[in-house]
C-alpha atoms as a PDB file:
ATOM      1  CA  MET A   1     111.353 109.689  93.397  1.00  0.00           C
ATOM      2  CA  ALA A   2     110.734 113.837  93.556  1.00  0.00           C
ATOM      3  CA  GLY A   3     114.405 114.396  92.587  1.00  0.00           C
ATOM      4  CA  ALA A   4     116.187 112.060  95.105  1.00  0.00           C
ATOM      5  CA  ALA A   5     119.375 111.020  93.582  1.00  0.00           C
ATOM      6  CA  TYR A   6     119.643 107.877  96.461  1.00  0.00           C
ATOM      7  CA  ARG A   7     116.763 105.294  97.149  1.00  0.00           C
ATOM      8  CA  ARG A   8     118.270 104.097 100.500  1.00  0.00           C
ATOM      9  CA  THR A   9     120.712 106.042 102.728  1.00  0.00           C
ATOM     10  CA  LEU A  10     122.399 105.548 106.052  1.00  0.00           C
ATOM     11  CA  LEU A  11     122.926 108.436 107.995  1.00  0.00           C
ATOM     12  CA  LYS A  12     125.649 108.871 110.673  1.00  0.00           C
ATOM     13  CA  VAL A  13     124.542 111.380 113.420  1.00  0.00           C
ATOM     14  CA  SER A  14     127.511 111.787 115.833  1.00  0.00           C
ATOM     15  CA  GLY A  15     126.958 112.645 119.700  1.00  0.00           C
ATOM     16  CA  GLU A  16     127.894 115.838 119.467  1.00  0.00           C
ATOM     17  CA  ALA A  17     125.308 116.901 117.089  1.00  0.00           C
ATOM     18  CA  LEU A  18     122.826 115.755 119.517  1.00  0.00           C
ATOM     19  CA  MET A  19     124.297 117.990 122.449  1.00  0.00           C
ATOM     20  CA  GLY A  20     124.113 121.030 119.972  1.00  0.00           C
ATOM     21  CA  ASP A  21     125.104 124.224 121.962  1.00  0.00           C
ATOM     22  CA  LEU A  22     125.316 122.532 125.310  1.00  0.00           C
ATOM     23  CA  PRO A  23     128.509 121.272 126.826  1.00  0.00           C
ATOM     24  CA  TYR A  24     127.380 117.766 127.576  1.00  0.00           C
ATOM     25  CA  GLY A  25     124.392 115.479 126.922  1.00  0.00           C
ATOM     26  CA  ILE A  26     121.201 116.050 124.653  1.00  0.00           C
ATOM     27  CA  ASP A  27     119.774 119.218 123.358  1.00  0.00           C
ATOM     28  CA  PRO A  28     116.128 118.542 122.506  1.00  0.00           C
ATOM     29  CA  ALA A  29     115.899 121.445 120.191  1.00  0.00           C
ATOM     30  CA  ALA A  30     119.193 119.943 118.232  1.00  0.00           C
ATOM     31  CA  VAL A  31     117.493 116.713 118.466  1.00  0.00           C
ATOM     32  CA  ALA A  32     114.331 118.188 117.343  1.00  0.00           C
ATOM     33  CA  ARG A  33     115.800 119.955 114.069  1.00  0.00           C
ATOM     34  CA  ILE A  34     117.477 116.797 113.123  1.00  0.00           C
ATOM     35  CA  ALA A  35     114.159 114.896 113.206  1.00  0.00           C
ATOM     36  CA  ARG A  36     112.484 117.388 111.236  1.00  0.00           C
ATOM     37  CA  GLN A  37     115.455 117.031 108.736  1.00  0.00           C
ATOM     38  CA  ILE A  38     114.752 113.224 108.546  1.00  0.00           C
ATOM     39  CA  GLN A  39     111.151 113.501 107.881  1.00  0.00           C
ATOM     40  CA  ALA A  40     111.775 115.955 105.083  1.00  0.00           C
ATOM     41  CA  THR A  41     114.382 113.328 103.530  1.00  0.00           C
ATOM     42  CA  GLN A  42     111.717 110.599 104.334  1.00  0.00           C
ATOM     43  CA  ARG A  43     108.693 112.817 102.157  1.00  0.00           C
ATOM     44  CA  GLU A  44     111.002 112.603  99.257  1.00  0.00           C
ATOM     45  CA  GLN A  45     110.243 108.466  99.180  1.00  0.00           C
ATOM     46  CA  VAL A  46     114.152 107.901 100.604  1.00  0.00           C
ATOM     47  CA  GLU A  47     114.468 104.940 102.833  1.00  0.00           C
ATOM     48  CA  ILE A  48     116.354 106.121 105.526  1.00  0.00           C
ATOM     49  CA  ALA A  49     118.478 104.745 108.321  1.00  0.00           C
ATOM     50  CA  VAL A  50     120.673 106.189 110.712  1.00  0.00           C
ATOM     51  CA  VAL A  51     123.508 104.833 113.135  1.00  0.00           C
ATOM     52  CA  VAL A  52     124.030 107.023 116.055  1.00  0.00           C
ATOM     53  CA  GLY A  53     127.006 107.654 118.101  1.00  0.00           C
ATOM     54  CA  GLY A  54     127.516 108.770 121.852  1.00  0.00           C
ATOM     55  CA  GLY A  55     130.400 111.228 122.401  1.00  0.00           C
ATOM     56  CA  ASN A  56     128.004 113.731 124.037  1.00  0.00           C
ATOM     57  CA  ILE A  57     127.927 111.498 126.768  1.00  0.00           C
ATOM     58  CA  PHE A  58     130.462 108.948 127.017  1.00  0.00           C
ATOM     59  CA  ARG A  59     133.841 108.193 125.014  1.00  0.00           C
ATOM     60  CA  GLY A  60     135.108 104.907 125.291  1.00  0.00           C
ATOM     61  CA  ALA A  61     138.744 105.977 124.134  1.00  0.00           C
ATOM     62  CA  GLU A  62     138.962 108.815 126.417  1.00  0.00           C
ATOM     63  CA  ALA A  63     138.084 106.640 129.461  1.00  0.00           C
ATOM     64  CA  SER A  64     140.540 104.104 128.003  1.00  0.00           C
ATOM     65  CA  ASN A  65     143.053 106.444 127.880  1.00  0.00           C
ATOM     66  CA  ALA A  66     142.299 107.707 131.745  1.00  0.00           C
ATOM     67  CA  GLY A  67     142.990 103.950 132.861  1.00  0.00           C
ATOM     68  CA  MET A  68     139.675 102.075 132.286  1.00  0.00           C
ATOM     69  CA  ASP A  69     140.185  98.594 130.766  1.00  0.00           C
ATOM     70  CA  ARG A  70     139.501  99.547 126.880  1.00  0.00           C
ATOM     71  CA  ALA A  71     136.590  96.682 126.350  1.00  0.00           C
ATOM     72  CA  THR A  72     134.581  97.816 129.451  1.00  0.00           C
ATOM     73  CA  ALA A  73     135.127 101.625 128.448  1.00  0.00           C
ATOM     74  CA  ASP A  74     133.850 100.931 124.748  1.00  0.00           C
ATOM     75  CA  TYR A  75     130.699  98.828 125.953  1.00  0.00           C
ATOM     76  CA  ALA A  76     129.718 102.089 128.255  1.00  0.00           C
ATOM     77  CA  GLY A  77     129.971 103.818 125.116  1.00  0.00           C
ATOM     78  CA  MET A  78     127.743 101.773 123.247  1.00  0.00           C
ATOM     79  CA  LEU A  79     125.094 102.342 126.216  1.00  0.00           C
ATOM     80  CA  ALA A  80     125.543 105.563 125.389  1.00  0.00           C
ATOM     81  CA  THR A  81     124.421 105.484 122.095  1.00  0.00           C
ATOM     82  CA  ILE A  82     121.365 103.570 122.905  1.00  0.00           C
ATOM     83  CA  ILE A  83     120.387 106.732 125.294  1.00  0.00           C
ATOM     84  CA  ASN A  84     120.731 108.519 122.321  1.00  0.00           C
ATOM     85  CA  ALA A  85     118.879 106.502 119.708  1.00  0.00           C
ATOM     86  CA  LEU A  86     116.273 106.893 122.122  1.00  0.00           C
ATOM     87  CA  ALA A  87     116.274 110.377 122.730  1.00  0.00           C
ATOM     88  CA  LEU A  88     115.983 110.588 118.590  1.00  0.00           C
ATOM     89  CA  GLN A  89     113.124 107.776 118.293  1.00  0.00           C
ATOM     90  CA  ASP A  90     110.991 110.240 120.383  1.00  0.00           C
ATOM     91  CA  ALA A  91     111.703 113.457 118.584  1.00  0.00           C
ATOM     92  CA  LEU A  92     110.595 111.484 115.471  1.00  0.00           C
ATOM     93  CA  GLU A  93     107.833 109.675 116.691  1.00  0.00           C
ATOM     94  CA  THR A  94     106.659 113.114 118.074  1.00  0.00           C
ATOM     95  CA  ILE A  95     106.347 114.772 114.891  1.00  0.00           C
ATOM     96  CA  GLY A  96     104.456 111.323 113.090  1.00  0.00           C
ATOM     97  CA  VAL A  97     107.551 109.532 111.922  1.00  0.00           C
ATOM     98  CA  THR A  98     107.316 105.960 112.353  1.00  0.00           C
ATOM     99  CA  VAL A  99     110.676 104.599 113.650  1.00  0.00           C
ATOM    100  CA  ARG A 100     112.264 101.570 115.067  1.00  0.00           C
ATOM    101  CA  THR A 101     115.129 101.161 117.346  1.00  0.00           C
ATOM    102  CA  GLN A 102     117.591  98.377 116.715  1.00  0.00           C
ATOM    103  CA  THR A 103     120.635  97.447 119.268  1.00  0.00           C
ATOM    104  CA  ALA A 104     123.601  95.508 118.558  1.00  0.00           C
ATOM    105  CA  ILE A 105     123.888  94.534 122.263  1.00  0.00           C
ATOM    106  CA  THR A 106     120.486  92.820 123.649  1.00  0.00           C
ATOM    107  CA  VAL A 107     117.948  95.575 125.543  1.00  0.00           C
ATOM    108  CA  GLN A 108     114.976  93.952 124.847  1.00  0.00           C
ATOM    109  CA  GLN A 109     112.949  96.243 127.291  1.00  0.00           C
ATOM    110  CA  VAL A 110     113.470  99.197 125.135  1.00  0.00           C
ATOM    111  CA  ALA A 111     115.073  98.255 121.472  1.00  0.00           C
ATOM    112  CA  GLU A 112     114.501  95.531 118.743  1.00  0.00           C
ATOM    113  CA  PRO A 113     117.883  93.347 118.605  1.00  0.00           C
ATOM    114  CA  TYR A 114     119.639  94.047 115.072  1.00  0.00           C
ATOM    115  CA  ILE A 115     118.235  91.827 112.437  1.00  0.00           C
ATOM    116  CA  ARG A 116     119.279  92.896 109.209  1.00  0.00           C
ATOM    117  CA  ARG A 117     116.675  91.158 107.090  1.00  0.00           C
ATOM    118  CA  ARG A 118     113.940  92.751 109.783  1.00  0.00           C
ATOM    119  CA  ALA A 119     115.821  96.128 109.363  1.00  0.00           C
ATOM    120  CA  ILE A 120     115.531  96.005 105.784  1.00  0.00           C
ATOM    121  CA  ARG A 121     112.043  94.825 105.935  1.00  0.00           C
ATOM    122  CA  HIS A 122     111.332  97.938 107.946  1.00  0.00           C
ATOM    123  CA  LEU A 123     112.772 100.366 105.300  1.00  0.00           C
ATOM    124  CA  GLU A 124     110.842  98.666 102.754  1.00  0.00           C
ATOM    125  CA  LYS A 125     107.767  99.588 104.668  1.00  0.00           C
ATOM    126  CA  GLY A 126     108.478 103.099 104.835  1.00  0.00           C
ATOM    127  CA  ARG A 127     109.583 103.026 108.479  1.00  0.00           C
ATOM    128  CA  VAL A 128     113.123 105.045 109.743  1.00  0.00           C
ATOM    129  CA  VAL A 129     115.583 102.408 111.247  1.00  0.00           C
ATOM    130  CA  LEU A 130     118.015 103.714 113.679  1.00  0.00           C
ATOM    131  CA  PHE A 131     120.760 101.421 114.802  1.00  0.00           C
ATOM    132  CA  ALA A 132     122.256 101.711 118.250  1.00  0.00           C
ATOM    133  CA  ALA A 133     125.148 100.413 120.241  1.00  0.00           C
ATOM    134  CA  GLY A 134     127.625 100.277 117.240  1.00  0.00           C
ATOM    135  CA  THR A 135     128.679  97.085 115.895  1.00  0.00           C
ATOM    136  CA  GLY A 136     128.195  95.476 119.435  1.00  0.00           C
ATOM    137  CA  ASN A 137     131.824  94.754 119.851  1.00  0.00           C
ATOM    138  CA  PRO A 138     134.678  96.527 121.509  1.00  0.00           C
ATOM    139  CA  TYR A 139     137.628  98.458 119.581  1.00  0.00           C
ATOM    140  CA  MET A 140     134.953  99.308 116.845  1.00  0.00           C
ATOM    141  CA  THR A 141     133.825 102.848 116.243  1.00  0.00           C
ATOM    142  CA  THR A 142     130.585 103.847 115.376  1.00  0.00           C
ATOM    143  CA  ASP A 143     131.931 105.291 111.979  1.00  0.00           C
ATOM    144  CA  THR A 144     132.598 101.528 111.098  1.00  0.00           C
ATOM    145  CA  ALA A 145     129.434 100.423 112.636  1.00  0.00           C
ATOM    146  CA  ALA A 146     128.037 102.952 109.936  1.00  0.00           C
ATOM    147  CA  ALA A 147     129.872 101.709 107.007  1.00  0.00           C
ATOM    148  CA  LEU A 148     129.116  98.088 107.804  1.00  0.00           C
ATOM    149  CA  ARG A 149     125.282  98.939 108.242  1.00  0.00           C
ATOM    150  CA  ALA A 150     125.208 101.027 105.363  1.00  0.00           C
ATOM    151  CA  ILE A 151     126.615  98.039 103.195  1.00  0.00           C
ATOM    152  CA  GLU A 152     124.681  95.417 104.998  1.00  0.00           C
ATOM    153  CA  ILE A 153     121.205  97.062 104.157  1.00  0.00           C
ATOM    154  CA  GLY A 154     122.577  98.106 100.423  1.00  0.00           C
ATOM    155  CA  ALA A 155     122.422 101.739 100.887  1.00  0.00           C
ATOM    156  CA  ASP A 156     123.000 103.488  97.872  1.00  0.00           C
ATOM    157  CA  VAL A 157     125.262 106.242 100.164  1.00  0.00           C
ATOM    158  CA  LEU A 158     126.774 107.100 103.767  1.00  0.00           C
ATOM    159  CA  LEU A 159     126.028 110.566 104.641  1.00  0.00           C
ATOM    160  CA  MET A 160     128.196 111.546 107.483  1.00  0.00           C
ATOM    161  CA  GLY A 161     126.510 114.233 109.620  1.00  0.00           C
ATOM    162  CA  LYS A 162     129.237 116.420 111.482  1.00  0.00           C
ATOM    163  CA  HIS A 163     128.659 119.288 113.909  1.00  0.00           C
ATOM    164  CA  ARG A 164     129.375 122.492 112.674  1.00  0.00           C
ATOM    165  CA  THR A 165     132.022 120.728 109.945  1.00  0.00           C
ATOM    166  CA  ASP A 166     131.201 121.541 106.730  1.00  0.00           C
ATOM    167  CA  GLY A 167     133.321 118.911 104.962  1.00  0.00           C
ATOM    168  CA  VAL A 168     137.187 117.497 105.030  1.00  0.00           C
ATOM    169  CA  TYR A 169     139.738 119.830 104.675  1.00  0.00           C
ATOM    170  CA  ASP A 170     143.505 119.518 103.998  1.00  0.00           C
ATOM    171  CA  ALA A 171     144.144 121.128 107.385  1.00  0.00           C
ATOM    172  CA  ASP A 172     142.385 122.093 110.590  1.00  0.00           C
ATOM    173  CA  PRO A 173     140.463 125.540 109.702  1.00  0.00           C
ATOM    174  CA  ASN A 174     140.319 126.373 113.455  1.00  0.00           C
ATOM    175  CA  LYS A 175     144.068 126.645 113.126  1.00  0.00           C
ATOM    176  CA  GLU A 176     144.662 127.486 109.705  1.00  0.00           C
ATOM    177  CA  PRO A 177     142.954 130.601 108.104  1.00  0.00           C
ATOM    178  CA  GLY A 178     144.194 128.787 104.582  1.00  0.00           C
ATOM    179  CA  ALA A 179     142.820 125.472 104.680  1.00  0.00           C
ATOM    180  CA  ARG A 180     141.213 124.303 101.817  1.00  0.00           C
ATOM    181  CA  ARG A 181     138.232 121.818 101.646  1.00  0.00           C
ATOM    182  CA  PHE A 182     137.727 118.960  99.310  1.00  0.00           C
ATOM    183  CA  GLU A 183     134.797 119.375  97.069  1.00  0.00           C
ATOM    184  CA  THR A 184     135.600 115.967  96.137  1.00  0.00           C
ATOM    185  CA  LEU A 185     138.052 113.496  97.419  1.00  0.00           C
ATOM    186  CA  ASN A 186     139.617 109.918  96.434  1.00  0.00           C
ATOM    187  CA  TYR A 187     139.536 106.890  98.628  1.00  0.00           C
ATOM    188  CA  MET A 188     142.774 106.220  98.382  1.00  0.00           C
ATOM    189  CA  GLU A 189     144.075 109.585  99.084  1.00  0.00           C
ATOM    190  CA  ALA A 190     141.903 110.058 101.939  1.00  0.00           C
ATOM    191  CA  ILE A 191     143.307 106.898 103.535  1.00  0.00           C
ATOM    192  CA  SER A 192     146.822 107.669 102.471  1.00  0.00           C
ATOM    193  CA  ARG A 193     147.126 111.439 103.986  1.00  0.00           C
ATOM    194  CA  ARG A 194     144.760 110.178 107.131  1.00  0.00           C
ATOM    195  CA  LEU A 195     142.465 112.914 106.326  1.00  0.00           C
ATOM    196  CA  ALA A 196     139.446 113.144 109.215  1.00  0.00           C
ATOM    197  CA  VAL A 197     136.642 111.705 106.921  1.00  0.00           C
ATOM    198  CA  MET A 198     136.046 108.841 109.728  1.00  0.00           C
ATOM    199  CA  ASP A 199     138.247 106.077 110.802  1.00  0.00           C
ATOM    200  CA  SER A 200     140.452 104.022 109.029  1.00  0.00           C
ATOM    201  CA  THR A 201     138.735 100.901 109.097  1.00  0.00           C
ATOM    202  CA  ALA A 202     135.268 102.099 108.012  1.00  0.00           C
ATOM    203  CA  LEU A 203     136.772 104.309 105.437  1.00  0.00           C
ATOM    204  CA  ALA A 204     138.968 101.041 104.009  1.00  0.00           C
ATOM    205  CA  LEU A 205     135.652  99.176 104.291  1.00  0.00           C
ATOM    206  CA  CYS A 206     133.786 101.860 102.337  1.00  0.00           C
ATOM    207  CA  MET A 207     136.446 101.721  99.313  1.00  0.00           C
ATOM    208  CA  GLU A 208     136.390  98.036  99.307  1.00  0.00           C
ATOM    209  CA  ASN A 209     132.157  97.907  98.910  1.00  0.00           C
ATOM    210  CA  SER A 210     132.219 101.179  96.356  1.00  0.00           C
ATOM    211  CA  LEU A 211     129.978 103.009  98.959  1.00  0.00           C
ATOM    212  CA  PRO A 212     130.338 106.487  98.285  1.00  0.00           C
ATOM    213  CA  ILE A 213     130.577 108.877 101.421  1.00  0.00           C
ATOM    214  CA  ILE A 214     129.160 112.698 101.801  1.00  0.00           C
ATOM    215  CA  VAL A 215     130.588 114.510 104.677  1.00  0.00           C
ATOM    216  CA  PHE A 216     128.637 117.492 105.425  1.00  0.00           C
ATOM    217  CA  ASP A 217     127.347 120.010 108.549  1.00  0.00           C
ATOM    218  CA  LEU A 218     124.525 117.936 109.690  1.00  0.00           C
ATOM    219  CA  ILE A 219     123.317 121.407 111.434  1.00  0.00           C
ATOM    220  CA  ALA A 220     122.548 123.386 108.609  1.00  0.00           C
ATOM    221  CA  GLU A 221     118.942 123.421 107.586  1.00  0.00           C
ATOM    222  CA  THR A 222     117.853 120.858 104.965  1.00  0.00           C
ATOM    223  CA  SER A 223     121.546 119.677 104.503  1.00  0.00           C
ATOM    224  CA  ILE A 224     120.242 116.044 104.621  1.00  0.00           C
ATOM    225  CA  LEU A 225     117.558 116.724 101.594  1.00  0.00           C
ATOM    226  CA  ARG A 226     119.952 118.393  99.706  1.00  0.00           C
ATOM    227  CA  ALA A 227     122.835 115.835 100.011  1.00  0.00           C
ATOM    228  CA  VAL A 228     120.181 112.962  99.080  1.00  0.00           C
ATOM    229  CA  ARG A 229     119.228 115.232  95.967  1.00  0.00           C
ATOM    230  CA  GLY A 230     122.674 114.786  94.566  1.00  0.00           C
ATOM    231  CA  GLU A 231     123.309 118.618  95.517  1.00  0.00           C
ATOM    232  CA  ARG A 232     127.523 118.881  95.765  1.00  0.00           C
ATOM    233  CA  ILE A 233     127.499 120.026  99.539  1.00  0.00           C
ATOM    234  CA  GLY A 234     130.472 119.215 101.879  1.00  0.00           C
ATOM    235  CA  THR A 235     132.929 116.687 100.326  1.00  0.00           C
ATOM    236  CA  TYR A 236     131.969 113.310  98.155  1.00  0.00           C
ATOM    237  CA  VAL A 237     134.319 110.682  99.165  1.00  0.00           C
ATOM    238  CA  GLY A 238     134.477 107.988  96.411  1.00  0.00           C
ATOM    239  CA  ASP A 239     136.444 106.856  93.158  1.00  0.00           C
ATOM    240  CA  GLU A 240     136.814 110.429  91.992  1.00  0.00           C
ATOM    241  CA  GLN A 241     139.549 112.514  91.945  1.00  0.00           C
ATOM    242  CA  THR A 242     139.989 114.769  94.320  1.00  0.00           C
ATOM    243  CA  ILE A 243     139.206 118.618  94.031  1.00  0.00           C
ATOM    244  CA  LEU A 244     140.163 121.057  96.410  1.00  0.00           C
ATOM    245  CA  VAL A 245     138.282 124.538  97.091  1.00  0.00           C
ATOM    246  CA  GLU A 246     138.936 127.648  98.145  1.00  0.00           C
ATOM    247  CA  VAL A 247     136.563 128.542 101.039  1.00  0.00           C
END
């Protein structure tokens, strides 16, 4: 497979990554860069599905903290992920990539409903599949949706694409000059130390199903391609021993 280490992958794209350098919303240039990376990865004969976040448009947790009903806020956040998925779908189609968008809540005018077997069939036919609307349930993050969908479709790895963050650190690198990056990180240590990999529900789900996670900077050119080729970029989270490196 042209050097690919993983046959089927699930990529989590945060809403912030789609925002690019803008303070809010969707930056077409940023979306186009991500689309080109996905296209290059697919050319390695890798099946790729994507879970899209919505934090660039609406954050349910923040709205809830401001007084909005939590379930209502989370549903609004799901709608934001659908907007982002449609933007990414358009960018992929513009460069000739065949793509299908599936949503966990019914929006039949713009996307298919999420059906596991249909999603797998799309991947087998060489289509990129975008998963939107999280799990379809309030109180669940898109991190949890990414872990769940990755396990459901039998992905070999979960790629956590971050916005200008090149891995998991033992302290906030923006506040602590001596912060060290984890090259590898054990599931249990990530959970016990409450490190910023993903939410604890999602991380526990990955651990229970032995699904490796790679946390990396999505903005860096060819980062997705390097990750699926098995290059050690960012932080690898799995059953391996924890290793810290100086940066």
